[in-house]
Amino acid sequence: MKTHTACSTIAMMLLLSLVTANMAAAQLMSVCVENSPERRGEIGCSIIEKKALPVGLKEPAFWHIDRFDSPERARAAVGPASVAFEAAGTPWLMTIESQTSDHHGGQHVAQVGPLPLPQAPKYAIQVQSAAFLPGMYSLLHHHSGVEAVYVIQGEACYETPTRAFRLQKGETLALATGTPMRAVATGSTLRYILAVIVYDASQPPTMRMDEATGPRLVACK
């Protein structure tokens, strides 16, 4: 009887540890804010900058990602439609412009697009940098413009009503205005991404959706 009780106790402890581990691996991501812990090398999502884009921006428009060897050189290359910052130990320049071979003195990393711009008289850009652990996920939301993502480390997944988009390091994705979505950090290592939202300047860039009444999304598996 004592042996049976001891075994039962051990089994229950193992079960509880597994449940605890699963709960820890499926935590809600923090919302994106200015100067989040990500800026200090921790977990979080940072709003790097919100910036009005030049009047007259037309399609086709692309997100150009350039890497620089110093923050000073990246900042010196900033123009009316670009933002410079550091993430994951690297200086970056994010630019929204037409297809071009001018990389502003940096090393071209990726071109995303053409971006499906929303119908709007004026556009703005929000640049984000986010680092989250595997299993963490965002709230259901959509944007008032196109969101584009570039994975600089780990694996990312985006749930939408039509499919789940899985991205590996170096891959990109653009999701059209109004697409219901949930971001999920998949894989087994830290997920680090850069993102831009090109949105209607008269609206907030991101809008939460009701989890109970929102659309069913294709799960990241």
C-alpha atoms as a PDB file:
ATOM      1  CA  MET A   1       0.000   0.000   0.000  1.00  0.00           C
ATOM      2  CA  LYS A   2       2.807   2.375   0.884  1.00  0.00           C
ATOM      3  CA  THR A   3       4.603   1.543  -2.377  1.00  0.00           C
ATOM      4  CA  HIS A   4       1.406   2.124  -4.361  1.00  0.00           C
ATOM      5  CA  THR A   5       0.828   5.460  -2.603  1.00  0.00           C
ATOM      6  CA  ALA A   6       4.407   6.537  -3.207  1.00  0.00           C
ATOM      7  CA  CYS A   7       4.160   5.651  -6.897  1.00  0.00           C
ATOM      8  CA  SER A   8       0.880   7.532  -7.188  1.00  0.00           C
ATOM      9  CA  THR A   9       2.436  10.568  -5.543  1.00  0.00           C
ATOM     10  CA  ILE A  10       5.410  10.477  -7.904  1.00  0.00           C
ATOM     11  CA  ALA A  11       3.109  10.092 -10.920  1.00  0.00           C
ATOM     12  CA  MET A  12       1.044  13.075  -9.803  1.00  0.00           C
ATOM     13  CA  MET A  13       4.164  15.188  -9.311  1.00  0.00           C
ATOM     14  CA  LEU A  14       5.361  14.279 -12.802  1.00  0.00           C
ATOM     15  CA  LEU A  15       1.960  15.146 -14.255  1.00  0.00           C
ATOM     16  CA  LEU A  16       1.907  18.494 -12.493  1.00  0.00           C
ATOM     17  CA  SER A  17       5.417  19.276 -13.712  1.00  0.00           C
ATOM     18  CA  LEU A  18       4.374  18.487 -17.295  1.00  0.00           C
ATOM     19  CA  VAL A  19       1.278  20.690 -17.009  1.00  0.00           C
ATOM     20  CA  THR A  20       3.361  23.493 -15.519  1.00  0.00           C
ATOM     21  CA  ALA A  21       5.914  23.158 -18.312  1.00  0.00           C
ATOM     22  CA  ASN A  22       3.181  23.270 -20.963  1.00  0.00           C
ATOM     23  CA  MET A  23       1.629  26.360 -19.381  1.00  0.00           C
ATOM     24  CA  ALA A  24       5.034  28.051 -19.260  1.00  0.00           C
ATOM     25  CA  ALA A  25       5.588  27.193 -22.922  1.00  0.00           C
ATOM     26  CA  ALA A  26       2.272  28.764 -23.960  1.00  0.00           C
ATOM     27  CA  GLN A  27       2.393  32.236 -22.484  1.00  0.00           C
ATOM     28  CA  LEU A  28       0.752  35.332 -23.868  1.00  0.00           C
ATOM     29  CA  MET A  29       3.140  37.754 -25.540  1.00  0.00           C
ATOM     30  CA  SER A  30       3.328  41.232 -24.060  1.00  0.00           C
ATOM     31  CA  VAL A  31       1.883  43.985 -26.250  1.00  0.00           C
ATOM     32  CA  CYS A  32       4.229  46.170 -28.269  1.00  0.00           C
ATOM     33  CA  VAL A  33       5.259  49.371 -26.489  1.00  0.00           C
ATOM     34  CA  GLU A  34       7.963  51.971 -26.782  1.00  0.00           C
ATOM     35  CA  ASN A  35      11.205  51.061 -25.006  1.00  0.00           C
ATOM     36  CA  SER A  36      10.087  47.530 -24.084  1.00  0.00           C
ATOM     37  CA  PRO A  37      12.480  45.122 -22.309  1.00  0.00           C
ATOM     38  CA  GLU A  38      13.541  43.942 -25.794  1.00  0.00           C
ATOM     39  CA  ARG A  39      15.570  47.154 -26.047  1.00  0.00           C
ATOM     40  CA  ARG A  40      17.639  45.920 -23.079  1.00  0.00           C
ATOM     41  CA  GLY A  41      18.246  42.428 -24.414  1.00  0.00           C
ATOM     42  CA  GLU A  42      15.215  40.838 -22.753  1.00  0.00           C
ATOM     43  CA  ILE A  43      11.878  39.428 -23.936  1.00  0.00           C
ATOM     44  CA  GLY A  44       9.369  41.879 -25.386  1.00  0.00           C
ATOM     45  CA  CYS A  45       8.069  43.812 -28.384  1.00  0.00           C
ATOM     46  CA  SER A  46       9.283  47.352 -29.014  1.00  0.00           C
ATOM     47  CA  ILE A  47       7.687  50.076 -31.081  1.00  0.00           C
ATOM     48  CA  ILE A  48      10.854  51.592 -32.500  1.00  0.00           C
ATOM     49  CA  GLU A  49       9.250  54.534 -34.264  1.00  0.00           C
ATOM     50  CA  LYS A  50       6.042  55.813 -35.857  1.00  0.00           C
ATOM     51  CA  LYS A  51       6.660  58.060 -38.831  1.00  0.00           C
ATOM     52  CA  ALA A  52       4.518  59.796 -41.443  1.00  0.00           C
ATOM     53  CA  LEU A  53       5.451  58.710 -44.954  1.00  0.00           C
ATOM     54  CA  PRO A  54       5.863  61.201 -47.801  1.00  0.00           C
ATOM     55  CA  VAL A  55       2.642  62.392 -49.439  1.00  0.00           C
ATOM     56  CA  GLY A  56       2.070  60.733 -52.772  1.00  0.00           C
ATOM     57  CA  LEU A  57       3.354  57.267 -51.855  1.00  0.00           C
ATOM     58  CA  LYS A  58       2.053  54.949 -54.557  1.00  0.00           C
ATOM     59  CA  GLU A  59       2.165  51.293 -55.458  1.00  0.00           C
ATOM     60  CA  PRO A  60       4.246  49.369 -56.148  1.00  0.00           C
ATOM     61  CA  ALA A  61       5.924  49.981 -52.807  1.00  0.00           C
ATOM     62  CA  PHE A  62       8.489  47.710 -51.166  1.00  0.00           C
ATOM     63  CA  TRP A  63      10.028  47.297 -47.734  1.00  0.00           C
ATOM     64  CA  HIS A  64      13.802  47.408 -48.110  1.00  0.00           C
ATOM     65  CA  ILE A  65      15.928  46.034 -45.262  1.00  0.00           C
ATOM     66  CA  ASP A  66      19.582  47.102 -45.133  1.00  0.00           C
ATOM     67  CA  ARG A  67      22.279  46.215 -42.617  1.00  0.00           C
ATOM     68  CA  PHE A  68      25.072  48.634 -41.637  1.00  0.00           C
ATOM     69  CA  ASP A  69      28.413  48.247 -39.911  1.00  0.00           C
ATOM     70  CA  SER A  70      27.740  51.077 -37.463  1.00  0.00           C
ATOM     71  CA  PRO A  71      24.707  52.834 -35.954  1.00  0.00           C
ATOM     72  CA  GLU A  72      26.126  56.181 -37.075  1.00  0.00           C
ATOM     73  CA  ARG A  73      26.193  55.142 -40.735  1.00  0.00           C
ATOM     74  CA  ALA A  74      22.664  53.773 -40.502  1.00  0.00           C
ATOM     75  CA  ARG A  75      21.367  57.007 -38.963  1.00  0.00           C
ATOM     76  CA  ALA A  76      23.188  59.087 -41.582  1.00  0.00           C
ATOM     77  CA  ALA A  77      21.297  57.199 -44.313  1.00  0.00           C
ATOM     78  CA  VAL A  78      17.830  57.974 -42.917  1.00  0.00           C
ATOM     79  CA  GLY A  79      15.493  59.629 -45.411  1.00  0.00           C
ATOM     80  CA  PRO A  80      11.838  60.749 -45.422  1.00  0.00           C
ATOM     81  CA  ALA A  81      10.601  57.132 -45.692  1.00  0.00           C
ATOM     82  CA  SER A  82      13.123  55.265 -43.542  1.00  0.00           C
ATOM     83  CA  VAL A  83      13.962  54.464 -39.917  1.00  0.00           C
ATOM     84  CA  ALA A  84      17.323  53.441 -38.441  1.00  0.00           C
ATOM     85  CA  PHE A  85      17.773  51.455 -35.229  1.00  0.00           C
ATOM     86  CA  GLU A  86      19.660  48.558 -33.643  1.00  0.00           C
ATOM     87  CA  ALA A  87      18.303  45.076 -32.945  1.00  0.00           C
ATOM     88  CA  ALA A  88      20.045  41.808 -32.110  1.00  0.00           C
ATOM     89  CA  GLY A  89      23.374  43.641 -32.077  1.00  0.00           C
ATOM     90  CA  THR A  90      23.005  44.904 -35.657  1.00  0.00           C
ATOM     91  CA  PRO A  91      22.311  48.407 -37.036  1.00  0.00           C
ATOM     92  CA  TRP A  92      19.388  48.353 -39.498  1.00  0.00           C
ATOM     93  CA  LEU A  93      17.742  50.714 -41.953  1.00  0.00           C
ATOM     94  CA  MET A  94      14.076  50.096 -42.865  1.00  0.00           C
ATOM     95  CA  THR A  95      12.829  51.955 -45.945  1.00  0.00           C
ATOM     96  CA  ILE A  96       9.497  52.040 -47.784  1.00  0.00           C
ATOM     97  CA  GLU A  97      10.089  52.941 -51.416  1.00  0.00           C
ATOM     98  CA  SER A  98       9.846  51.664 -54.967  1.00  0.00           C
ATOM     99  CA  GLN A  99      11.945  48.804 -56.258  1.00  0.00           C
ATOM    100  CA  THR A 100      15.471  50.143 -56.264  1.00  0.00           C
ATOM    101  CA  SER A 101      19.111  49.130 -56.305  1.00  0.00           C
ATOM    102  CA  ASP A 102      20.106  52.041 -54.030  1.00  0.00           C
ATOM    103  CA  HIS A 103      20.808  50.549 -50.614  1.00  0.00           C
ATOM    104  CA  HIS A 104      21.863  53.821 -49.002  1.00  0.00           C
ATOM    105  CA  GLY A 105      25.399  52.673 -48.288  1.00  0.00           C
ATOM    106  CA  GLY A 106      24.404  49.524 -46.419  1.00  0.00           C
ATOM    107  CA  GLN A 107      24.316  45.812 -47.197  1.00  0.00           C
ATOM    108  CA  HIS A 108      20.984  44.814 -48.711  1.00  0.00           C
ATOM    109  CA  VAL A 109      19.370  42.020 -46.704  1.00  0.00           C
ATOM    110  CA  ALA A 110      15.857  41.662 -48.110  1.00  0.00           C
ATOM    111  CA  GLN A 111      13.144  43.266 -50.199  1.00  0.00           C
ATOM    112  CA  VAL A 112       9.529  42.567 -49.241  1.00  0.00           C
ATOM    113  CA  GLY A 113       6.689  43.303 -51.616  1.00  0.00           C
ATOM    114  CA  PRO A 114       5.119  44.731 -53.529  1.00  0.00           C
ATOM    115  CA  LEU A 115       3.144  45.703 -50.435  1.00  0.00           C
ATOM    116  CA  PRO A 116      -0.666  45.841 -50.800  1.00  0.00           C
ATOM    117  CA  LEU A 117      -1.232  49.372 -49.491  1.00  0.00           C
ATOM    118  CA  PRO A 118      -4.606  50.283 -47.972  1.00  0.00           C
ATOM    119  CA  GLN A 119      -6.759  52.942 -49.597  1.00  0.00           C
ATOM    120  CA  ALA A 120      -5.793  56.100 -47.706  1.00  0.00           C
ATOM    121  CA  PRO A 121      -4.935  59.752 -48.430  1.00  0.00           C
ATOM    122  CA  LYS A 122      -1.909  59.614 -46.112  1.00  0.00           C
ATOM    123  CA  TYR A 123       0.278  56.780 -44.877  1.00  0.00           C
ATOM    124  CA  ALA A 124       2.448  56.213 -41.828  1.00  0.00           C
ATOM    125  CA  ILE A 125       4.892  53.500 -40.847  1.00  0.00           C
ATOM    126  CA  GLN A 126       5.363  51.765 -37.508  1.00  0.00           C
ATOM    127  CA  VAL A 127       8.614  49.852 -37.065  1.00  0.00           C
ATOM    128  CA  GLN A 128       8.781  47.058 -34.480  1.00  0.00           C
ATOM    129  CA  SER A 129      11.381  44.689 -33.083  1.00  0.00           C
ATOM    130  CA  ALA A 130      10.260  41.675 -31.052  1.00  0.00           C
ATOM    131  CA  ALA A 131      11.928  38.803 -29.204  1.00  0.00           C
ATOM    132  CA  PHE A 132       9.831  36.002 -27.670  1.00  0.00           C
ATOM    133  CA  LEU A 133      10.345  32.466 -26.406  1.00  0.00           C
ATOM    134  CA  PRO A 134       8.941  29.352 -28.133  1.00  0.00           C
ATOM    135  CA  GLY A 135       5.270  28.782 -27.358  1.00  0.00           C
ATOM    136  CA  MET A 136       4.436  32.421 -26.693  1.00  0.00           C
ATOM    137  CA  TYR A 137       1.546  33.881 -28.693  1.00  0.00           C
ATOM    138  CA  SER A 138      -0.182  37.207 -29.325  1.00  0.00           C
ATOM    139  CA  LEU A 139      -3.775  38.269 -28.893  1.00  0.00           C
ATOM    140  CA  LEU A 140      -6.090  38.132 -31.906  1.00  0.00           C
ATOM    141  CA  HIS A 141      -5.739  41.386 -33.852  1.00  0.00           C
ATOM    142  CA  HIS A 142      -5.634  43.091 -37.238  1.00  0.00           C
ATOM    143  CA  HIS A 143      -3.998  46.178 -38.723  1.00  0.00           C
ATOM    144  CA  SER A 144      -5.218  49.254 -40.598  1.00  0.00           C
ATOM    145  CA  GLY A 145      -2.521  48.586 -43.164  1.00  0.00           C
ATOM    146  CA  VAL A 146      -0.174  45.927 -44.446  1.00  0.00           C
ATOM    147  CA  GLU A 147       2.156  44.246 -41.928  1.00  0.00           C
ATOM    148  CA  ALA A 148       5.441  42.838 -43.183  1.00  0.00           C
ATOM    149  CA  VAL A 149       7.777  40.628 -41.150  1.00  0.00           C
ATOM    150  CA  TYR A 150      11.422  39.554 -41.412  1.00  0.00           C
ATOM    151  CA  VAL A 151      12.802  36.794 -39.174  1.00  0.00           C
ATOM    152  CA  ILE A 152      16.319  37.444 -37.922  1.00  0.00           C
ATOM    153  CA  GLN A 153      16.449  34.532 -35.487  1.00  0.00           C
ATOM    154  CA  GLY A 154      14.442  31.397 -34.721  1.00  0.00           C
ATOM    155  CA  GLU A 155      11.074  30.444 -36.208  1.00  0.00           C
ATOM    156  CA  ALA A 156       7.852  32.432 -36.454  1.00  0.00           C
ATOM    157  CA  CYS A 157       4.297  31.484 -37.352  1.00  0.00           C
ATOM    158  CA  TYR A 158       1.248  33.617 -38.156  1.00  0.00           C
ATOM    159  CA  GLU A 159      -2.255  32.199 -37.862  1.00  0.00           C
ATOM    160  CA  THR A 160      -4.881  33.616 -40.265  1.00  0.00           C
ATOM    161  CA  PRO A 161      -8.378  32.463 -41.313  1.00  0.00           C
ATOM    162  CA  THR A 162      -7.065  30.817 -44.492  1.00  0.00           C
ATOM    163  CA  ARG A 163      -3.747  29.297 -43.417  1.00  0.00           C
ATOM    164  CA  ALA A 164      -0.846  29.363 -40.968  1.00  0.00           C
ATOM    165  CA  PHE A 165       2.338  30.946 -42.318  1.00  0.00           C
ATOM    166  CA  ARG A 166       5.563  29.404 -40.966  1.00  0.00           C
ATOM    167  CA  LEU A 167       8.752  31.411 -41.349  1.00  0.00           C
ATOM    168  CA  GLN A 168      12.362  30.418 -40.786  1.00  0.00           C
ATOM    169  CA  LYS A 169      15.384  32.682 -40.261  1.00  0.00           C
ATOM    170  CA  GLY A 170      15.809  35.005 -43.239  1.00  0.00           C
ATOM    171  CA  GLU A 171      12.252  34.561 -44.535  1.00  0.00           C
ATOM    172  CA  THR A 172       9.638  37.295 -44.956  1.00  0.00           C
ATOM    173  CA  LEU A 173       5.869  37.693 -45.030  1.00  0.00           C
ATOM    174  CA  ALA A 174       3.398  40.459 -45.901  1.00  0.00           C
ATOM    175  CA  LEU A 175      -0.202  40.307 -44.631  1.00  0.00           C
ATOM    176  CA  ALA A 176      -2.835  42.557 -46.200  1.00  0.00           C
ATOM    177  CA  THR A 177      -4.858  45.240 -44.434  1.00  0.00           C
ATOM    178  CA  GLY A 178      -7.531  43.885 -42.103  1.00  0.00           C
ATOM    179  CA  THR A 179      -6.232  40.300 -42.006  1.00  0.00           C
ATOM    180  CA  PRO A 180      -7.203  38.724 -38.649  1.00  0.00           C
ATOM    181  CA  MET A 181      -4.052  37.177 -37.203  1.00  0.00           C
ATOM    182  CA  ARG A 182      -2.231  35.761 -34.231  1.00  0.00           C
ATOM    183  CA  ALA A 183       1.569  35.623 -33.975  1.00  0.00           C
ATOM    184  CA  VAL A 184       3.069  32.473 -32.454  1.00  0.00           C
ATOM    185  CA  ALA A 185       6.713  31.819 -31.565  1.00  0.00           C
ATOM    186  CA  THR A 186       7.325  28.277 -32.772  1.00  0.00           C
ATOM    187  CA  GLY A 187      10.473  26.159 -32.964  1.00  0.00           C
ATOM    188  CA  SER A 188      12.849  25.507 -30.088  1.00  0.00           C
ATOM    189  CA  THR A 189      14.880  28.724 -29.863  1.00  0.00           C
ATOM    190  CA  LEU A 190      14.288  32.421 -29.292  1.00  0.00           C
ATOM    191  CA  ARG A 191      12.172  34.042 -32.018  1.00  0.00           C
ATOM    192  CA  TYR A 192      13.456  37.486 -33.042  1.00  0.00           C
ATOM    193  CA  ILE A 193      11.699  39.444 -35.768  1.00  0.00           C
ATOM    194  CA  LEU A 194      11.626  42.868 -37.366  1.00  0.00           C
ATOM    195  CA  ALA A 195       8.279  44.179 -38.601  1.00  0.00           C
ATOM    196  CA  VAL A 196       6.770  47.197 -40.298  1.00  0.00           C
ATOM    197  CA  ILE A 197       3.134  48.251 -40.550  1.00  0.00           C
ATOM    198  CA  VAL A 198       2.343  50.655 -43.402  1.00  0.00           C
ATOM    199  CA  TYR A 199      -1.066  51.969 -42.397  1.00  0.00           C
ATOM    200  CA  ASP A 200      -3.740  54.596 -42.873  1.00  0.00           C
ATOM    201  CA  ALA A 201      -2.352  57.589 -40.947  1.00  0.00           C
ATOM    202  CA  SER A 202      -5.867  58.533 -39.766  1.00  0.00           C
ATOM    203  CA  GLN A 203      -6.317  55.238 -37.906  1.00  0.00           C
ATOM    204  CA  PRO A 204      -4.435  53.349 -35.165  1.00  0.00           C
ATOM    205  CA  PRO A 205      -2.037  50.818 -36.712  1.00  0.00           C
ATOM    206  CA  THR A 206      -3.219  47.862 -34.601  1.00  0.00           C
ATOM    207  CA  MET A 207      -6.680  46.881 -33.397  1.00  0.00           C
ATOM    208  CA  ARG A 208      -7.563  44.086 -30.974  1.00  0.00           C
ATOM    209  CA  MET A 209     -10.293  41.592 -31.883  1.00  0.00           C
ATOM    210  CA  ASP A 210     -12.651  39.733 -29.564  1.00  0.00           C
ATOM    211  CA  GLU A 211     -11.334  36.234 -28.944  1.00  0.00           C
ATOM    212  CA  ALA A 212     -14.853  34.825 -28.439  1.00  0.00           C
ATOM    213  CA  THR A 213     -16.505  36.299 -31.530  1.00  0.00           C
ATOM    214  CA  GLY A 214     -13.507  36.668 -33.834  1.00  0.00           C
ATOM    215  CA  PRO A 215     -12.918  34.395 -36.827  1.00  0.00           C
ATOM    216  CA  ARG A 216     -11.488  30.900 -36.475  1.00  0.00           C
ATOM    217  CA  LEU A 217      -7.798  30.827 -37.391  1.00  0.00           C
ATOM    218  CA  VAL A 218      -5.749  27.998 -38.868  1.00  0.00           C
ATOM    219  CA  ALA A 219      -3.495  26.905 -36.008  1.00  0.00           C
ATOM    220  CA  CYS A 220       0.292  26.775 -36.068  1.00  0.00           C
ATOM    221  CA  LYS A 221       1.137  23.102 -35.509  1.00  0.00           C
END
